[in-house]
């Protein structure tokens, strides 16, 4: 039986702890959108340092959200990353975060842009 002083953690708090570090959501989104290599994650994030990206990828791997894939083709080592089923389960969270801004901020996107972004997110995040 649980100690009366112990607190059952809120599931939302536990989820936020997994994704609250800077760049985590963007990297997970990038994986859904087909990026898988270190240099690809950095390509549109000039403020993301190699050390921070490396630490972020290690943290995601430790939390079973991504897996590191190492292959050796003709003596050339290729390292890529992919989402685990646990990481893929964040698809609806990421989708809803994106849709929140699309639906709440009328000034940033045109209706046509909103439609295109929504379509892209639905396809890449496998949202029905």
C-alpha atoms as a PDB file:
ATOM      1  CA  UNK A   1       0.000   0.000   0.000  1.00  0.00           C
ATOM      2  CA  UNK A   2       1.268   3.476  -0.872  1.00  0.00           C
ATOM      3  CA  UNK A   3       2.621   5.695   1.854  1.00  0.00           C
ATOM      4  CA  UNK A   4       0.059   8.373   2.740  1.00  0.00           C
ATOM      5  CA  UNK A   5       2.757  11.018   2.213  1.00  0.00           C
ATOM      6  CA  UNK A   6       3.660   9.782  -1.244  1.00  0.00           C
ATOM      7  CA  UNK A   7       2.236  11.609  -4.201  1.00  0.00           C
ATOM      8  CA  UNK A   8       1.119   9.884  -7.345  1.00  0.00           C
ATOM      9  CA  UNK A   9       2.739  11.827 -10.195  1.00  0.00           C
ATOM     10  CA  UNK A  10       0.459  13.512 -12.674  1.00  0.00           C
ATOM     11  CA  UNK A  11       0.780  11.808 -16.100  1.00  0.00           C
ATOM     12  CA  UNK A  12       0.932  15.219 -17.776  1.00  0.00           C
ATOM     13  CA  UNK A  13       3.900  16.198 -15.597  1.00  0.00           C
ATOM     14  CA  UNK A  14       5.710  13.004 -16.542  1.00  0.00           C
ATOM     15  CA  UNK A  15       5.129  13.653 -20.244  1.00  0.00           C
ATOM     16  CA  UNK A  16       6.285  17.251 -19.954  1.00  0.00           C
ATOM     17  CA  UNK A  17       9.460  16.040 -18.233  1.00  0.00           C
ATOM     18  CA  UNK A  18      10.209  13.934 -21.311  1.00  0.00           C
ATOM     19  CA  UNK A  19       9.779  16.769 -23.796  1.00  0.00           C
ATOM     20  CA  UNK A  20      10.512  19.968 -21.857  1.00  0.00           C
ATOM     21  CA  UNK A  21      14.135  20.466 -22.856  1.00  0.00           C
ATOM     22  CA  UNK A  22      14.868  22.961 -25.598  1.00  0.00           C
ATOM     23  CA  UNK A  23      14.876  21.452 -29.104  1.00  0.00           C
ATOM     24  CA  UNK A  24      13.294  18.118 -28.105  1.00  0.00           C
ATOM     25  CA  UNK A  25       9.921  18.764 -29.743  1.00  0.00           C
ATOM     26  CA  UNK A  26      11.585  20.099 -32.895  1.00  0.00           C
ATOM     27  CA  UNK A  27      13.838  17.043 -33.170  1.00  0.00           C
ATOM     28  CA  UNK A  28      10.929  14.662 -32.665  1.00  0.00           C
ATOM     29  CA  UNK A  29       8.966  16.608 -35.288  1.00  0.00           C
ATOM     30  CA  UNK A  30      11.945  16.403 -37.649  1.00  0.00           C
ATOM     31  CA  UNK A  31      12.048  12.635 -37.230  1.00  0.00           C
ATOM     32  CA  UNK A  32       8.363  12.398 -38.150  1.00  0.00           C
ATOM     33  CA  UNK A  33       9.097  14.565 -41.196  1.00  0.00           C
ATOM     34  CA  UNK A  34      11.891  12.293 -42.441  1.00  0.00           C
ATOM     35  CA  UNK A  35      15.092  13.727 -40.993  1.00  0.00           C
ATOM     36  CA  UNK A  36      17.334  11.114 -39.417  1.00  0.00           C
ATOM     37  CA  UNK A  37      20.928  12.353 -39.384  1.00  0.00           C
ATOM     38  CA  UNK A  38      22.768  14.745 -37.061  1.00  0.00           C
ATOM     39  CA  UNK A  39      23.459  17.299 -39.804  1.00  0.00           C
ATOM     40  CA  UNK A  40      19.801  17.247 -40.922  1.00  0.00           C
ATOM     41  CA  UNK A  41      18.602  18.195 -37.437  1.00  0.00           C
ATOM     42  CA  UNK A  42      20.943  21.182 -37.474  1.00  0.00           C
ATOM     43  CA  UNK A  43      20.181  22.310 -41.033  1.00  0.00           C
ATOM     44  CA  UNK A  44      17.405  24.761 -40.099  1.00  0.00           C
ATOM     45  CA  UNK A  45      18.445  25.459 -36.504  1.00  0.00           C
ATOM     46  CA  UNK A  46      21.525  27.728 -36.575  1.00  0.00           C
ATOM     47  CA  UNK A  47      21.332  28.296 -32.803  1.00  0.00           C
ATOM     48  CA  UNK A  48      21.523  24.565 -32.050  1.00  0.00           C
ATOM     49  CA  UNK A  49      25.081  23.665 -31.049  1.00  0.00           C
ATOM     50  CA  UNK A  50      26.621  20.255 -31.681  1.00  0.00           C
ATOM     51  CA  UNK A  51      26.948  19.628 -27.940  1.00  0.00           C
ATOM     52  CA  UNK A  52      23.308  20.505 -27.197  1.00  0.00           C
ATOM     53  CA  UNK A  53      22.092  18.373 -30.104  1.00  0.00           C
ATOM     54  CA  UNK A  54      24.266  15.465 -29.012  1.00  0.00           C
ATOM     55  CA  UNK A  55      22.997  15.744 -25.422  1.00  0.00           C
ATOM     56  CA  UNK A  56      19.414  16.000 -26.647  1.00  0.00           C
ATOM     57  CA  UNK A  57      19.725  12.885 -28.827  1.00  0.00           C
ATOM     58  CA  UNK A  58      21.281  10.949 -25.929  1.00  0.00           C
ATOM     59  CA  UNK A  59      18.452  12.035 -23.630  1.00  0.00           C
ATOM     60  CA  UNK A  60      15.809  11.009 -26.173  1.00  0.00           C
ATOM     61  CA  UNK A  61      17.518   7.648 -26.569  1.00  0.00           C
ATOM     62  CA  UNK A  62      17.758   7.126 -22.790  1.00  0.00           C
ATOM     63  CA  UNK A  63      14.021   7.830 -22.525  1.00  0.00           C
ATOM     64  CA  UNK A  64      13.256   5.299 -25.278  1.00  0.00           C
ATOM     65  CA  UNK A  65      11.790   7.931 -27.607  1.00  0.00           C
ATOM     66  CA  UNK A  66      14.385   7.376 -30.339  1.00  0.00           C
ATOM     67  CA  UNK A  67      16.863   4.704 -31.285  1.00  0.00           C
ATOM     68  CA  UNK A  68      20.331   5.172 -32.694  1.00  0.00           C
ATOM     69  CA  UNK A  69      21.056   3.129 -35.803  1.00  0.00           C
ATOM     70  CA  UNK A  70      24.695   2.486 -36.723  1.00  0.00           C
ATOM     71  CA  UNK A  71      25.654   0.855 -39.996  1.00  0.00           C
ATOM     72  CA  UNK A  72      28.969   0.291 -41.696  1.00  0.00           C
ATOM     73  CA  UNK A  73      28.841   0.342 -45.475  1.00  0.00           C
ATOM     74  CA  UNK A  74      32.170  -0.223 -47.213  1.00  0.00           C
ATOM     75  CA  UNK A  75      34.071   1.109 -44.207  1.00  0.00           C
ATOM     76  CA  UNK A  76      31.934   4.214 -43.862  1.00  0.00           C
ATOM     77  CA  UNK A  77      30.042   4.460 -40.593  1.00  0.00           C
ATOM     78  CA  UNK A  78      26.545   5.879 -40.943  1.00  0.00           C
ATOM     79  CA  UNK A  79      24.650   6.960 -37.836  1.00  0.00           C
ATOM     80  CA  UNK A  80      20.975   7.715 -38.071  1.00  0.00           C
ATOM     81  CA  UNK A  81      18.105   8.034 -35.639  1.00  0.00           C
ATOM     82  CA  UNK A  82      14.521   6.847 -35.749  1.00  0.00           C
ATOM     83  CA  UNK A  83      11.501   7.065 -33.501  1.00  0.00           C
ATOM     84  CA  UNK A  84      10.667   4.116 -31.300  1.00  0.00           C
ATOM     85  CA  UNK A  85       7.013   3.142 -30.890  1.00  0.00           C
ATOM     86  CA  UNK A  86       7.138   5.137 -27.635  1.00  0.00           C
ATOM     87  CA  UNK A  87       8.330   8.195 -29.588  1.00  0.00           C
ATOM     88  CA  UNK A  88       5.795   7.643 -32.361  1.00  0.00           C
ATOM     89  CA  UNK A  89       3.049   7.786 -29.746  1.00  0.00           C
ATOM     90  CA  UNK A  90       3.776  11.529 -29.418  1.00  0.00           C
ATOM     91  CA  UNK A  91       2.285  12.144 -32.863  1.00  0.00           C
ATOM     92  CA  UNK A  92      -1.007  13.497 -31.521  1.00  0.00           C
ATOM     93  CA  UNK A  93       0.743  15.706 -28.966  1.00  0.00           C
ATOM     94  CA  UNK A  94       2.898  17.316 -31.654  1.00  0.00           C
ATOM     95  CA  UNK A  95      -0.064  17.660 -33.989  1.00  0.00           C
ATOM     96  CA  UNK A  96      -2.165  19.400 -31.343  1.00  0.00           C
ATOM     97  CA  UNK A  97       0.679  21.777 -30.461  1.00  0.00           C
ATOM     98  CA  UNK A  98       0.951  22.802 -34.102  1.00  0.00           C
ATOM     99  CA  UNK A  99      -2.810  23.104 -34.531  1.00  0.00           C
ATOM    100  CA  UNK A 100      -3.082  25.279 -31.434  1.00  0.00           C
ATOM    101  CA  UNK A 101      -1.012  28.010 -33.060  1.00  0.00           C
ATOM    102  CA  UNK A 102      -2.666  27.585 -36.452  1.00  0.00           C
ATOM    103  CA  UNK A 103      -6.109  27.970 -34.925  1.00  0.00           C
ATOM    104  CA  UNK A 104      -5.360  30.608 -32.286  1.00  0.00           C
ATOM    105  CA  UNK A 105      -3.138  33.089 -34.104  1.00  0.00           C
ATOM    106  CA  UNK A 106      -5.051  34.579 -36.988  1.00  0.00           C
ATOM    107  CA  UNK A 107      -2.224  36.900 -38.097  1.00  0.00           C
ATOM    108  CA  UNK A 108       0.621  34.524 -38.891  1.00  0.00           C
ATOM    109  CA  UNK A 109      -0.835  32.234 -41.567  1.00  0.00           C
ATOM    110  CA  UNK A 110      -3.192  32.627 -44.471  1.00  0.00           C
ATOM    111  CA  UNK A 111      -6.040  30.129 -44.797  1.00  0.00           C
ATOM    112  CA  UNK A 112      -4.157  28.482 -47.671  1.00  0.00           C
ATOM    113  CA  UNK A 113      -1.009  28.138 -45.543  1.00  0.00           C
ATOM    114  CA  UNK A 114      -3.057  26.716 -42.669  1.00  0.00           C
ATOM    115  CA  UNK A 115      -4.562  24.105 -44.976  1.00  0.00           C
ATOM    116  CA  UNK A 116      -1.142  23.114 -46.350  1.00  0.00           C
ATOM    117  CA  UNK A 117       0.480  22.939 -42.909  1.00  0.00           C
ATOM    118  CA  UNK A 118      -2.423  20.907 -41.515  1.00  0.00           C
ATOM    119  CA  UNK A 119      -2.189  18.495 -44.457  1.00  0.00           C
ATOM    120  CA  UNK A 120       1.585  18.099 -44.003  1.00  0.00           C
ATOM    121  CA  UNK A 121       1.293  17.458 -40.292  1.00  0.00           C
ATOM    122  CA  UNK A 122      -1.541  14.960 -40.740  1.00  0.00           C
ATOM    123  CA  UNK A 123       0.418  13.027 -43.367  1.00  0.00           C
ATOM    124  CA  UNK A 124       3.780  13.013 -41.582  1.00  0.00           C
ATOM    125  CA  UNK A 125       2.356  12.371 -38.116  1.00  0.00           C
ATOM    126  CA  UNK A 126      -0.077   9.730 -39.368  1.00  0.00           C
ATOM    127  CA  UNK A 127      -3.141  11.541 -38.032  1.00  0.00           C
ATOM    128  CA  UNK A 128      -6.474  10.266 -39.331  1.00  0.00           C
END
